[in-house]
Amino acid sequence: DPVNLHAVENIYRIKSRQKQKPLSLLIAS
């Protein structure tokens, strides 16, 4: 969920991803 900041932080932690790199979003329309 992109508005759940704790979940967003978890992605950066899991991937060891640089925090200045934004995440892309999938949408339906």
mmCIF file of all heavy atoms, coordinates in Angstrom:
data_MODEL
# 
_entry.id   MODEL 
# 
loop_
_atom_site.group_PDB 
_atom_site.id 
_atom_site.type_symbol 
_atom_site.label_atom_id 
_atom_site.label_alt_id 
_atom_site.label_comp_id 
_atom_site.label_asym_id 
_atom_site.label_entity_id 
_atom_site.label_seq_id 
_atom_site.pdbx_PDB_ins_code 
_atom_site.Cartn_x 
_atom_site.Cartn_y 
_atom_site.Cartn_z 
_atom_site.occupancy 
_atom_site.B_iso_or_equiv 
_atom_site.pdbx_formal_charge 
_atom_site.auth_seq_id 
_atom_site.auth_comp_id 
_atom_site.auth_asym_id 
_atom_site.auth_atom_id 
_atom_site.pdbx_PDB_model_num 
ATOM 1   N N   . ASP A 1 1  ? 0.862  -1.178 0.000   1.00 0.00 ? 1  ASP A N   1 
ATOM 2   C CA  . ASP A 1 1  ? 0.000  0.000  0.000   1.00 0.00 ? 1  ASP A CA  1 
ATOM 3   C C   . ASP A 1 1  ? 0.901  1.232  0.000   1.00 0.00 ? 1  ASP A C   1 
ATOM 4   O O   . ASP A 1 1  ? 1.649  1.450  0.956   1.00 0.00 ? 1  ASP A O   1 
ATOM 5   C CB  . ASP A 1 1  ? -0.880 -0.042 1.252   1.00 0.00 ? 1  ASP A CB  1 
ATOM 6   C CG  . ASP A 1 1  ? -1.761 1.186  1.417   1.00 0.00 ? 1  ASP A CG  1 
ATOM 7   O OD1 . ASP A 1 1  ? -1.612 2.153  0.644   1.00 0.00 ? 1  ASP A OD1 1 
ATOM 8   O OD2 . ASP A 1 1  ? -2.596 1.173  2.341   1.00 0.00 ? 1  ASP A OD2 1 
ATOM 9   N N   . PRO A 1 2  ? 0.863  2.082  -1.042  1.00 0.00 ? 2  PRO A N   1 
ATOM 10  C CA  . PRO A 1 2  ? 1.818  3.188  -1.123  1.00 0.00 ? 2  PRO A CA  1 
ATOM 11  C C   . PRO A 1 2  ? 1.578  4.311  -0.120  1.00 0.00 ? 2  PRO A C   1 
ATOM 12  O O   . PRO A 1 2  ? 2.445  5.174  0.037   1.00 0.00 ? 2  PRO A O   1 
ATOM 13  C CB  . PRO A 1 2  ? 1.646  3.698  -2.557  1.00 0.00 ? 2  PRO A CB  1 
ATOM 14  C CG  . PRO A 1 2  ? 0.246  3.337  -2.912  1.00 0.00 ? 2  PRO A CG  1 
ATOM 15  C CD  . PRO A 1 2  ? -0.023 2.032  -2.216  1.00 0.00 ? 2  PRO A CD  1 
ATOM 16  N N   . VAL A 1 3  ? 0.424  4.323  0.536   1.00 0.00 ? 3  VAL A N   1 
ATOM 17  C CA  . VAL A 1 3  ? 0.203  5.349  1.555   1.00 0.00 ? 3  VAL A CA  1 
ATOM 18  C C   . VAL A 1 3  ? 0.525  4.833  2.956   1.00 0.00 ? 3  VAL A C   1 
ATOM 19  O O   . VAL A 1 3  ? 0.422  5.582  3.927   1.00 0.00 ? 3  VAL A O   1 
ATOM 20  C CB  . VAL A 1 3  ? -1.240 5.909  1.501   1.00 0.00 ? 3  VAL A CB  1 
ATOM 21  C CG1 . VAL A 1 3  ? -1.510 6.532  0.145   1.00 0.00 ? 3  VAL A CG1 1 
ATOM 22  C CG2 . VAL A 1 3  ? -2.270 4.834  1.804   1.00 0.00 ? 3  VAL A CG2 1 
ATOM 23  N N   . ASN A 1 4  ? 0.912  3.564  3.058   1.00 0.00 ? 4  ASN A N   1 
ATOM 24  C CA  . ASN A 1 4  ? 1.376  2.999  4.327   1.00 0.00 ? 4  ASN A CA  1 
ATOM 25  C C   . ASN A 1 4  ? 2.890  3.165  4.372   1.00 0.00 ? 4  ASN A C   1 
ATOM 26  O O   . ASN A 1 4  ? 3.642  2.383  3.786   1.00 0.00 ? 4  ASN A O   1 
ATOM 27  C CB  . ASN A 1 4  ? 0.982  1.521  4.418   1.00 0.00 ? 4  ASN A CB  1 
ATOM 28  C CG  . ASN A 1 4  ? 1.385  0.884  5.733   1.00 0.00 ? 4  ASN A CG  1 
ATOM 29  O OD1 . ASN A 1 4  ? 2.378  1.265  6.348   1.00 0.00 ? 4  ASN A OD1 1 
ATOM 30  N ND2 . ASN A 1 4  ? 0.611  -0.099 6.166   1.00 0.00 ? 4  ASN A ND2 1 
ATOM 31  N N   . LEU A 1 5  ? 3.356  4.209  5.044   1.00 0.00 ? 5  LEU A N   1 
ATOM 32  C CA  . LEU A 1 5  ? 4.775  4.546  4.991   1.00 0.00 ? 5  LEU A CA  1 
ATOM 33  C C   . LEU A 1 5  ? 5.658  3.481  5.625   1.00 0.00 ? 5  LEU A C   1 
ATOM 34  O O   . LEU A 1 5  ? 6.803  3.292  5.210   1.00 0.00 ? 5  LEU A O   1 
ATOM 35  C CB  . LEU A 1 5  ? 5.009  5.909  5.642   1.00 0.00 ? 5  LEU A CB  1 
ATOM 36  C CG  . LEU A 1 5  ? 4.368  7.091  4.905   1.00 0.00 ? 5  LEU A CG  1 
ATOM 37  C CD1 . LEU A 1 5  ? 4.732  8.405  5.584   1.00 0.00 ? 5  LEU A CD1 1 
ATOM 38  C CD2 . LEU A 1 5  ? 4.787  7.123  3.446   1.00 0.00 ? 5  LEU A CD2 1 
ATOM 39  N N   . HIS A 1 6  ? 5.131  2.774  6.626   1.00 0.00 ? 6  HIS A N   1 
ATOM 40  C CA  . HIS A 1 6  ? 5.912  1.684  7.222   1.00 0.00 ? 6  HIS A CA  1 
ATOM 41  C C   . HIS A 1 6  ? 6.142  0.580  6.193   1.00 0.00 ? 6  HIS A C   1 
ATOM 42  O O   . HIS A 1 6  ? 7.256  0.036  6.083   1.00 0.00 ? 6  HIS A O   1 
ATOM 43  C CB  . HIS A 1 6  ? 5.195  1.132  8.447   1.00 0.00 ? 6  HIS A CB  1 
ATOM 44  C CG  . HIS A 1 6  ? 5.914  -0.016 9.100   1.00 0.00 ? 6  HIS A CG  1 
ATOM 45  N ND1 . HIS A 1 6  ? 7.095  0.132  9.784   1.00 0.00 ? 6  HIS A ND1 1 
ATOM 46  C CD2 . HIS A 1 6  ? 5.609  -1.347 9.148   1.00 0.00 ? 6  HIS A CD2 1 
ATOM 47  C CE1 . HIS A 1 6  ? 7.496  -1.040 10.243  1.00 0.00 ? 6  HIS A CE1 1 
ATOM 48  N NE2 . HIS A 1 6  ? 6.617  -1.956 9.858   1.00 0.00 ? 6  HIS A NE2 1 
ATOM 49  N N   . ALA A 1 7  ? 5.099  0.257  5.421   1.00 0.00 ? 7  ALA A N   1 
ATOM 50  C CA  . ALA A 1 7  ? 5.236  -0.767 4.380   1.00 0.00 ? 7  ALA A CA  1 
ATOM 51  C C   . ALA A 1 7  ? 6.196  -0.312 3.287   1.00 0.00 ? 7  ALA A C   1 
ATOM 52  O O   . ALA A 1 7  ? 6.999  -1.101 2.783   1.00 0.00 ? 7  ALA A O   1 
ATOM 53  C CB  . ALA A 1 7  ? 3.863  -1.094 3.794   1.00 0.00 ? 7  ALA A CB  1 
ATOM 54  N N   . VAL A 1 8  ? 6.123  0.974  2.915   1.00 0.00 ? 8  VAL A N   1 
ATOM 55  C CA  . VAL A 1 8  ? 7.035  1.517  1.915   1.00 0.00 ? 8  VAL A CA  1 
ATOM 56  C C   . VAL A 1 8  ? 8.485  1.407  2.404   1.00 0.00 ? 8  VAL A C   1 
ATOM 57  O O   . VAL A 1 8  ? 9.384  1.003  1.659   1.00 0.00 ? 8  VAL A O   1 
ATOM 58  C CB  . VAL A 1 8  ? 6.671  2.976  1.586   1.00 0.00 ? 8  VAL A CB  1 
ATOM 59  C CG1 . VAL A 1 8  ? 7.758  3.636  0.729   1.00 0.00 ? 8  VAL A CG1 1 
ATOM 60  C CG2 . VAL A 1 8  ? 5.319  3.044  0.872   1.00 0.00 ? 8  VAL A CG2 1 
ATOM 61  N N   . GLU A 1 9  ? 8.710  1.754  3.658   1.00 0.00 ? 9  GLU A N   1 
ATOM 62  C CA  . GLU A 1 9  ? 10.063 1.650  4.221   1.00 0.00 ? 9  GLU A CA  1 
ATOM 63  C C   . GLU A 1 9  ? 10.554 0.202  4.194   1.00 0.00 ? 9  GLU A C   1 
ATOM 64  O O   . GLU A 1 9  ? 11.745 -0.057 3.980   1.00 0.00 ? 9  GLU A O   1 
ATOM 65  C CB  . GLU A 1 9  ? 10.072 2.182  5.655   1.00 0.00 ? 9  GLU A CB  1 
ATOM 66  C CG  . GLU A 1 9  ? 9.876  3.682  5.774   1.00 0.00 ? 9  GLU A CG  1 
ATOM 67  C CD  . GLU A 1 9  ? 11.064 4.477  5.253   1.00 0.00 ? 9  GLU A CD  1 
ATOM 68  O OE1 . GLU A 1 9  ? 12.176 3.901  5.170   1.00 0.00 ? 9  GLU A OE1 1 
ATOM 69  O OE2 . GLU A 1 9  ? 10.872 5.650  4.918   1.00 0.00 ? 9  GLU A OE2 1 
ATOM 70  N N   . ASN A 1 10 ? 9.639  -0.743 4.408   1.00 0.00 ? 10 ASN A N   1 
ATOM 71  C CA  . ASN A 1 10 ? 10.026 -2.151 4.394   1.00 0.00 ? 10 ASN A CA  1 
ATOM 72  C C   . ASN A 1 10 ? 10.583 -2.570 3.036   1.00 0.00 ? 10 ASN A C   1 
ATOM 73  O O   . ASN A 1 10 ? 11.519 -3.372 2.958   1.00 0.00 ? 10 ASN A O   1 
ATOM 74  C CB  . ASN A 1 10 ? 8.839  -3.040 4.757   1.00 0.00 ? 10 ASN A CB  1 
ATOM 75  C CG  . ASN A 1 10 ? 8.670  -3.194 6.251   1.00 0.00 ? 10 ASN A CG  1 
ATOM 76  O OD1 . ASN A 1 10 ? 9.589  -2.893 7.020   1.00 0.00 ? 10 ASN A OD1 1 
ATOM 77  N ND2 . ASN A 1 10 ? 7.507  -3.653 6.681   1.00 0.00 ? 10 ASN A ND2 1 
ATOM 78  N N   . ILE A 1 11 ? 9.997  -2.026 1.949   1.00 0.00 ? 11 ILE A N   1 
ATOM 79  C CA  . ILE A 1 11 ? 10.508 -2.375 0.620   1.00 0.00 ? 11 ILE A CA  1 
ATOM 80  C C   . ILE A 1 11 ? 11.960 -1.930 0.476   1.00 0.00 ? 11 ILE A C   1 
ATOM 81  O O   . ILE A 1 11 ? 12.819 -2.673 -0.004  1.00 0.00 ? 11 ILE A O   1 
ATOM 82  C CB  . ILE A 1 11 ? 9.634  -1.750 -0.486  1.00 0.00 ? 11 ILE A CB  1 
ATOM 83  C CG1 . ILE A 1 11 ? 8.341  -2.549 -0.634  1.00 0.00 ? 11 ILE A CG1 1 
ATOM 84  C CG2 . ILE A 1 11 ? 10.387 -1.714 -1.812  1.00 0.00 ? 11 ILE A CG2 1 
ATOM 85  C CD1 . ILE A 1 11 ? 7.507  -2.152 -1.815  1.00 0.00 ? 11 ILE A CD1 1 
ATOM 86  N N   . TYR A 1 12 ? 12.253 -0.698 0.891   1.00 0.00 ? 12 TYR A N   1 
ATOM 87  C CA  . TYR A 1 12 ? 13.633 -0.216 0.794   1.00 0.00 ? 12 TYR A CA  1 
ATOM 88  C C   . TYR A 1 12 ? 14.575 -1.084 1.625   1.00 0.00 ? 12 TYR A C   1 
ATOM 89  O O   . TYR A 1 12 ? 15.708 -1.366 1.217   1.00 0.00 ? 12 TYR A O   1 
ATOM 90  C CB  . TYR A 1 12 ? 13.706 1.240  1.249   1.00 0.00 ? 12 TYR A CB  1 
ATOM 91  C CG  . TYR A 1 12 ? 13.153 2.216  0.229   1.00 0.00 ? 12 TYR A CG  1 
ATOM 92  C CD1 . TYR A 1 12 ? 11.841 2.657  0.291   1.00 0.00 ? 12 TYR A CD1 1 
ATOM 93  C CD2 . TYR A 1 12 ? 13.955 2.699  -0.801  1.00 0.00 ? 12 TYR A CD2 1 
ATOM 94  C CE1 . TYR A 1 12 ? 11.334 3.555  -0.637  1.00 0.00 ? 12 TYR A CE1 1 
ATOM 95  C CE2 . TYR A 1 12 ? 13.464 3.594  -1.733  1.00 0.00 ? 12 TYR A CE2 1 
ATOM 96  C CZ  . TYR A 1 12 ? 12.153 4.015  -1.653  1.00 0.00 ? 12 TYR A CZ  1 
ATOM 97  O OH  . TYR A 1 12 ? 11.654 4.892  -2.578  1.00 0.00 ? 12 TYR A OH  1 
ATOM 98  N N   . ARG A 1 13 ? 14.090 -1.516 2.787   1.00 0.00 ? 13 ARG A N   1 
ATOM 99  C CA  . ARG A 1 13 ? 14.931 -2.360 3.649   1.00 0.00 ? 13 ARG A CA  1 
ATOM 100 C C   . ARG A 1 13 ? 15.146 -3.730 3.013   1.00 0.00 ? 13 ARG A C   1 
ATOM 101 O O   . ARG A 1 13 ? 16.284 -4.248 2.986   1.00 0.00 ? 13 ARG A O   1 
ATOM 102 C CB  . ARG A 1 13 ? 14.258 -2.505 5.015   1.00 0.00 ? 13 ARG A CB  1 
ATOM 103 C CG  . ARG A 1 13 ? 15.010 -3.404 5.981   1.00 0.00 ? 13 ARG A CG  1 
ATOM 104 C CD  . ARG A 1 13 ? 14.249 -3.562 7.286   1.00 0.00 ? 13 ARG A CD  1 
ATOM 105 N NE  . ARG A 1 13 ? 12.889 -4.035 7.086   1.00 0.00 ? 13 ARG A NE  1 
ATOM 106 C CZ  . ARG A 1 13 ? 12.561 -5.310 6.838   1.00 0.00 ? 13 ARG A CZ  1 
ATOM 107 N NH1 . ARG A 1 13 ? 13.512 -6.240 6.748   1.00 0.00 ? 13 ARG A NH1 1 
ATOM 108 N NH2 . ARG A 1 13 ? 11.293 -5.659 6.682   1.00 0.00 ? 13 ARG A NH2 1 
ATOM 109 N N   . ILE A 1 14 ? 14.087 -4.328 2.489   1.00 0.00 ? 14 ILE A N   1 
ATOM 110 C CA  . ILE A 1 14 ? 14.176 -5.669 1.904   1.00 0.00 ? 14 ILE A CA  1 
ATOM 111 C C   . ILE A 1 14 ? 15.132 -5.688 0.717   1.00 0.00 ? 14 ILE A C   1 
ATOM 112 O O   . ILE A 1 14 ? 15.946 -6.602 0.560   1.00 0.00 ? 14 ILE A O   1 
ATOM 113 C CB  . ILE A 1 14 ? 12.774 -6.148 1.477   1.00 0.00 ? 14 ILE A CB  1 
ATOM 114 C CG1 . ILE A 1 14 ? 11.926 -6.467 2.717   1.00 0.00 ? 14 ILE A CG1 1 
ATOM 115 C CG2 . ILE A 1 14 ? 12.855 -7.367 0.556   1.00 0.00 ? 14 ILE A CG2 1 
ATOM 116 C CD1 . ILE A 1 14 ? 10.443 -6.571 2.425   1.00 0.00 ? 14 ILE A CD1 1 
ATOM 117 N N   . LYS A 1 15 ? 15.058 -4.675 -0.121  1.00 0.00 ? 15 LYS A N   1 
ATOM 118 C CA  . LYS A 1 15 ? 15.866 -4.632 -1.332  1.00 0.00 ? 15 LYS A CA  1 
ATOM 119 C C   . LYS A 1 15 ? 17.244 -4.010 -1.122  1.00 0.00 ? 15 LYS A C   1 
ATOM 120 O O   . LYS A 1 15 ? 18.065 -4.025 -2.044  1.00 0.00 ? 15 LYS A O   1 
ATOM 121 C CB  . LYS A 1 15 ? 15.135 -3.821 -2.414  1.00 0.00 ? 15 LYS A CB  1 
ATOM 122 C CG  . LYS A 1 15 ? 13.966 -4.537 -3.064  1.00 0.00 ? 15 LYS A CG  1 
ATOM 123 C CD  . LYS A 1 15 ? 13.257 -3.628 -4.051  1.00 0.00 ? 15 LYS A CD  1 
ATOM 124 C CE  . LYS A 1 15 ? 14.151 -3.175 -5.195  1.00 0.00 ? 15 LYS A CE  1 
ATOM 125 N NZ  . LYS A 1 15 ? 14.366 -4.219 -6.232  1.00 0.00 ? 15 LYS A NZ  1 
ATOM 126 N N   . SER A 1 16 ? 17.471 -3.447 0.060   1.00 0.00 ? 16 SER A N   1 
ATOM 127 C CA  . SER A 1 16 ? 18.674 -2.634 0.285   1.00 0.00 ? 16 SER A CA  1 
ATOM 128 C C   . SER A 1 16 ? 18.758 -1.534 -0.770  1.00 0.00 ? 16 SER A C   1 
ATOM 129 O O   . SER A 1 16 ? 19.813 -1.248 -1.337  1.00 0.00 ? 16 SER A O   1 
ATOM 130 C CB  . SER A 1 16 ? 19.940 -3.510 0.242   1.00 0.00 ? 16 SER A CB  1 
ATOM 131 O OG  . SER A 1 16 ? 19.863 -4.541 1.201   1.00 0.00 ? 16 SER A OG  1 
ATOM 132 N N   . ARG A 1 17 ? 17.622 -0.911 -1.018  1.00 0.00 ? 17 ARG A N   1 
ATOM 133 C CA  . ARG A 1 17 ? 17.478 0.077  -2.086  1.00 0.00 ? 17 ARG A CA  1 
ATOM 134 C C   . ARG A 1 17 ? 17.774 1.472  -1.561  1.00 0.00 ? 17 ARG A C   1 
ATOM 135 O O   . ARG A 1 17 ? 17.422 1.813  -0.430  1.00 0.00 ? 17 ARG A O   1 
ATOM 136 C CB  . ARG A 1 17 ? 16.038 0.023  -2.634  1.00 0.00 ? 17 ARG A CB  1 
ATOM 137 C CG  . ARG A 1 17 ? 15.738 0.963  -3.813  1.00 0.00 ? 17 ARG A CG  1 
ATOM 138 C CD  . ARG A 1 17 ? 14.268 0.828  -4.182  1.00 0.00 ? 17 ARG A CD  1 
ATOM 139 N NE  . ARG A 1 17 ? 13.856 1.758  -5.220  1.00 0.00 ? 17 ARG A NE  1 
ATOM 140 C CZ  . ARG A 1 17 ? 13.844 1.491  -6.507  1.00 0.00 ? 17 ARG A CZ  1 
ATOM 141 N NH1 . ARG A 1 17 ? 14.258 0.312  -6.924  1.00 0.00 ? 17 ARG A NH1 1 
ATOM 142 N NH2 . ARG A 1 17 ? 13.433 2.378  -7.392  1.00 0.00 ? 17 ARG A NH2 1 
ATOM 143 N N   . GLN A 1 18 ? 18.412 2.292  -2.393  1.00 0.00 ? 18 GLN A N   1 
ATOM 144 C CA  . GLN A 1 18 ? 18.688 3.672  -2.017  1.00 0.00 ? 18 GLN A CA  1 
ATOM 145 C C   . GLN A 1 18 ? 17.380 4.435  -1.844  1.00 0.00 ? 18 GLN A C   1 
ATOM 146 O O   . GLN A 1 18 ? 16.492 4.365  -2.691  1.00 0.00 ? 18 GLN A O   1 
ATOM 147 C CB  . GLN A 1 18 ? 19.551 4.340  -3.096  1.00 0.00 ? 18 GLN A CB  1 
ATOM 148 C CG  . GLN A 1 18 ? 20.930 3.733  -3.242  1.00 0.00 ? 18 GLN A CG  1 
ATOM 149 C CD  . GLN A 1 18 ? 21.695 4.346  -4.405  1.00 0.00 ? 18 GLN A CD  1 
ATOM 150 O OE1 . GLN A 1 18 ? 21.125 4.929  -5.306  1.00 0.00 ? 18 GLN A OE1 1 
ATOM 151 N NE2 . GLN A 1 18 ? 23.004 4.210  -4.355  1.00 0.00 ? 18 GLN A NE2 1 
ATOM 152 N N   . LYS A 1 19 ? 17.278 5.186  -0.756  1.00 0.00 ? 19 LYS A N   1 
ATOM 153 C CA  . LYS A 1 19 ? 15.998 5.803  -0.411  1.00 0.00 ? 19 LYS A CA  1 
ATOM 154 C C   . LYS A 1 19 ? 15.648 7.017  -1.257  1.00 0.00 ? 19 LYS A C   1 
ATOM 155 O O   . LYS A 1 19 ? 14.531 7.524  -1.183  1.00 0.00 ? 19 LYS A O   1 
ATOM 156 C CB  . LYS A 1 19 ? 15.974 6.164  1.077   1.00 0.00 ? 19 LYS A CB  1 
ATOM 157 C CG  . LYS A 1 19 ? 15.994 4.931  1.963   1.00 0.00 ? 19 LYS A CG  1 
ATOM 158 C CD  . LYS A 1 19 ? 15.639 5.231  3.398   1.00 0.00 ? 19 LYS A CD  1 
ATOM 159 C CE  . LYS A 1 19 ? 15.545 3.944  4.212   1.00 0.00 ? 19 LYS A CE  1 
ATOM 160 N NZ  . LYS A 1 19 ? 15.146 4.182  5.600   1.00 0.00 ? 19 LYS A NZ  1 
ATOM 161 N N   . GLN A 1 20 ? 16.573 7.498  -2.082  1.00 0.00 ? 20 GLN A N   1 
ATOM 162 C CA  . GLN A 1 20 ? 16.233 8.606  -2.958  1.00 0.00 ? 20 GLN A CA  1 
ATOM 163 C C   . GLN A 1 20 ? 15.642 8.120  -4.282  1.00 0.00 ? 20 GLN A C   1 
ATOM 164 O O   . GLN A 1 20 ? 15.296 8.930  -5.139  1.00 0.00 ? 20 GLN A O   1 
ATOM 165 C CB  . GLN A 1 20 ? 17.443 9.502  -3.239  1.00 0.00 ? 20 GLN A CB  1 
ATOM 166 C CG  . GLN A 1 20 ? 18.550 8.858  -4.061  1.00 0.00 ? 20 GLN A CG  1 
ATOM 167 C CD  . GLN A 1 20 ? 19.595 8.181  -3.194  1.00 0.00 ? 20 GLN A CD  1 
ATOM 168 O OE1 . GLN A 1 20 ? 19.293 7.703  -2.100  1.00 0.00 ? 20 GLN A OE1 1 
ATOM 169 N NE2 . GLN A 1 20 ? 20.828 8.143  -3.681  1.00 0.00 ? 20 GLN A NE2 1 
ATOM 170 N N   . LYS A 1 21 ? 15.554 6.786  -4.456  1.00 0.00 ? 21 LYS A N   1 
ATOM 171 C CA  . LYS A 1 21 ? 14.986 6.235  -5.692  1.00 0.00 ? 21 LYS A CA  1 
ATOM 172 C C   . LYS A 1 21 ? 13.499 5.947  -5.475  1.00 0.00 ? 21 LYS A C   1 
ATOM 173 O O   . LYS A 1 21 ? 13.134 5.104  -4.661  1.00 0.00 ? 21 LYS A O   1 
ATOM 174 C CB  . LYS A 1 21 ? 15.717 4.945  -6.079  1.00 0.00 ? 21 LYS A CB  1 
ATOM 175 C CG  . LYS A 1 21 ? 17.183 5.156  -6.419  1.00 0.00 ? 21 LYS A CG  1 
ATOM 176 C CD  . LYS A 1 21 ? 17.868 3.861  -6.785  1.00 0.00 ? 21 LYS A CD  1 
ATOM 177 C CE  . LYS A 1 21 ? 17.365 3.313  -8.102  1.00 0.00 ? 21 LYS A CE  1 
ATOM 178 N NZ  . LYS A 1 21 ? 18.146 2.113  -8.523  1.00 0.00 ? 21 LYS A NZ  1 
ATOM 179 N N   . PRO A 1 22 ? 12.605 6.661  -6.199  1.00 0.00 ? 22 PRO A N   1 
ATOM 180 C CA  . PRO A 1 22 ? 11.168 6.460  -5.982  1.00 0.00 ? 22 PRO A CA  1 
ATOM 181 C C   . PRO A 1 22 ? 10.700 5.101  -6.478  1.00 0.00 ? 22 PRO A C   1 
ATOM 182 O O   . PRO A 1 22 ? 11.362 4.459  -7.304  1.00 0.00 ? 22 PRO A O   1 
ATOM 183 C CB  . PRO A 1 22 ? 10.531 7.597  -6.800  1.00 0.00 ? 22 PRO A CB  1 
ATOM 184 C CG  . PRO A 1 22 ? 11.548 7.941  -7.829  1.00 0.00 ? 22 PRO A CG  1 
ATOM 185 C CD  . PRO A 1 22 ? 12.886 7.697  -7.198  1.00 0.00 ? 22 PRO A CD  1 
ATOM 186 N N   . LEU A 1 23 ? 9.566  4.657  -5.968  1.00 0.00 ? 23 LEU A N   1 
ATOM 187 C CA  . LEU A 1 23 ? 8.965  3.392  -6.354  1.00 0.00 ? 23 LEU A CA  1 
ATOM 188 C C   . LEU A 1 23 ? 7.889  3.645  -7.405  1.00 0.00 ? 23 LEU A C   1 
ATOM 189 O O   . LEU A 1 23 ? 7.123  4.602  -7.291  1.00 0.00 ? 23 LEU A O   1 
ATOM 190 C CB  . LEU A 1 23 ? 8.331  2.707  -5.143  1.00 0.00 ? 23 LEU A CB  1 
ATOM 191 C CG  . LEU A 1 23 ? 9.251  2.445  -3.951  1.00 0.00 ? 23 LEU A CG  1 
ATOM 192 C CD1 . LEU A 1 23 ? 8.435  1.909  -2.779  1.00 0.00 ? 23 LEU A CD1 1 
ATOM 193 C CD2 . LEU A 1 23 ? 10.351 1.460  -4.323  1.00 0.00 ? 23 LEU A CD2 1 
ATOM 194 N N   . SER A 1 24 ? 7.829  2.788  -8.411  1.00 0.00 ? 24 SER A N   1 
ATOM 195 C CA  . SER A 1 24 ? 6.767  2.917  -9.399  1.00 0.00 ? 24 SER A CA  1 
ATOM 196 C C   . SER A 1 24 ? 5.484  2.279  -8.864  1.00 0.00 ? 24 SER A C   1 
ATOM 197 O O   . SER A 1 24 ? 5.515  1.422  -7.973  1.00 0.00 ? 24 SER A O   1 
ATOM 198 C CB  . SER A 1 24 ? 7.175  2.267  -10.721 1.00 0.00 ? 24 SER A CB  1 
ATOM 199 O OG  . SER A 1 24 ? 7.439  0.891  -10.532 1.00 0.00 ? 24 SER A OG  1 
ATOM 200 N N   . LEU A 1 25 ? 4.346  2.705  -9.436  1.00 0.00 ? 25 LEU A N   1 
ATOM 201 C CA  . LEU A 1 25 ? 3.044  2.233  -8.991  1.00 0.00 ? 25 LEU A CA  1 
ATOM 202 C C   . LEU A 1 25 ? 2.286  1.576  -10.141 1.00 0.00 ? 25 LEU A C   1 
ATOM 203 O O   . LEU A 1 25 ? 2.328  2.057  -11.280 1.00 0.00 ? 25 LEU A O   1 
ATOM 204 C CB  . LEU A 1 25 ? 2.200  3.390  -8.446  1.00 0.00 ? 25 LEU A CB  1 
ATOM 205 C CG  . LEU A 1 25 ? 2.747  4.160  -7.248  1.00 0.00 ? 25 LEU A CG  1 
ATOM 206 C CD1 . LEU A 1 25 ? 1.760  5.250  -6.840  1.00 0.00 ? 25 LEU A CD1 1 
ATOM 207 C CD2 . LEU A 1 25 ? 3.025  3.233  -6.072  1.00 0.00 ? 25 LEU A CD2 1 
ATOM 208 N N   . LEU A 1 26 ? 1.585  0.492  -9.831  1.00 0.00 ? 26 LEU A N   1 
ATOM 209 C CA  . LEU A 1 26 ? 0.676  -0.132 -10.782 1.00 0.00 ? 26 LEU A CA  1 
ATOM 210 C C   . LEU A 1 26 ? -0.730 0.385  -10.528 1.00 0.00 ? 26 LEU A C   1 
ATOM 211 O O   . LEU A 1 26 ? -1.177 0.476  -9.382  1.00 0.00 ? 26 LEU A O   1 
ATOM 212 C CB  . LEU A 1 26 ? 0.698  -1.654 -10.621 1.00 0.00 ? 26 LEU A CB  1 
ATOM 213 C CG  . LEU A 1 26 ? 2.026  -2.357 -10.898 1.00 0.00 ? 26 LEU A CG  1 
ATOM 214 C CD1 . LEU A 1 26 ? 1.867  -3.858 -10.739 1.00 0.00 ? 26 LEU A CD1 1 
ATOM 215 C CD2 . LEU A 1 26 ? 2.559  -2.018 -12.281 1.00 0.00 ? 26 LEU A CD2 1 
ATOM 216 N N   . ILE A 1 27 ? -1.417 0.733  -11.608 1.00 0.00 ? 27 ILE A N   1 
ATOM 217 C CA  . ILE A 1 27 ? -2.785 1.240  -11.533 1.00 0.00 ? 27 ILE A CA  1 
ATOM 218 C C   . ILE A 1 27 ? -3.667 0.418  -12.466 1.00 0.00 ? 27 ILE A C   1 
ATOM 219 O O   . ILE A 1 27 ? -3.168 -0.436 -13.214 1.00 0.00 ? 27 ILE A O   1 
ATOM 220 C CB  . ILE A 1 27 ? -2.845 2.740  -11.903 1.00 0.00 ? 27 ILE A CB  1 
ATOM 221 C CG1 . ILE A 1 27 ? -2.240 2.968  -13.299 1.00 0.00 ? 27 ILE A CG1 1 
ATOM 222 C CG2 . ILE A 1 27 ? -2.099 3.577  -10.863 1.00 0.00 ? 27 ILE A CG2 1 
ATOM 223 C CD1 . ILE A 1 27 ? -2.335 4.395  -13.795 1.00 0.00 ? 27 ILE A CD1 1 
ATOM 224 N N   . ALA A 1 28 ? -4.973 0.679  -12.419 1.00 0.00 ? 28 ALA A N   1 
ATOM 225 C CA  . ALA A 1 28 ? -5.910 -0.118 -13.205 1.00 0.00 ? 28 ALA A CA  1 
ATOM 226 C C   . ALA A 1 28 ? -6.549 0.659  -14.343 1.00 0.00 ? 28 ALA A C   1 
ATOM 227 O O   . ALA A 1 28 ? -7.172 0.058  -15.217 1.00 0.00 ? 28 ALA A O   1 
ATOM 228 C CB  . ALA A 1 28 ? -7.003 -0.684 -12.290 1.00 0.00 ? 28 ALA A CB  1 
ATOM 229 N N   . SER A 1 29 ? -6.406 2.000  -14.353 1.00 0.00 ? 29 SER A N   1 
ATOM 230 C CA  . SER A 1 29 ? -7.087 2.793  -15.373 1.00 0.00 ? 29 SER A CA  1 
ATOM 231 C C   . SER A 1 29 ? -6.408 4.141  -15.534 1.00 0.00 ? 29 SER A C   1 
ATOM 232 O O   . SER A 1 29 ? -5.691 4.605  -14.633 1.00 0.00 ? 29 SER A O   1 
ATOM 233 C CB  . SER A 1 29 ? -8.554 3.010  -14.993 1.00 0.00 ? 29 SER A CB  1 
ATOM 234 O OG  . SER A 1 29 ? -8.641 3.831  -13.839 1.00 0.00 ? 29 SER A OG  1 
# 
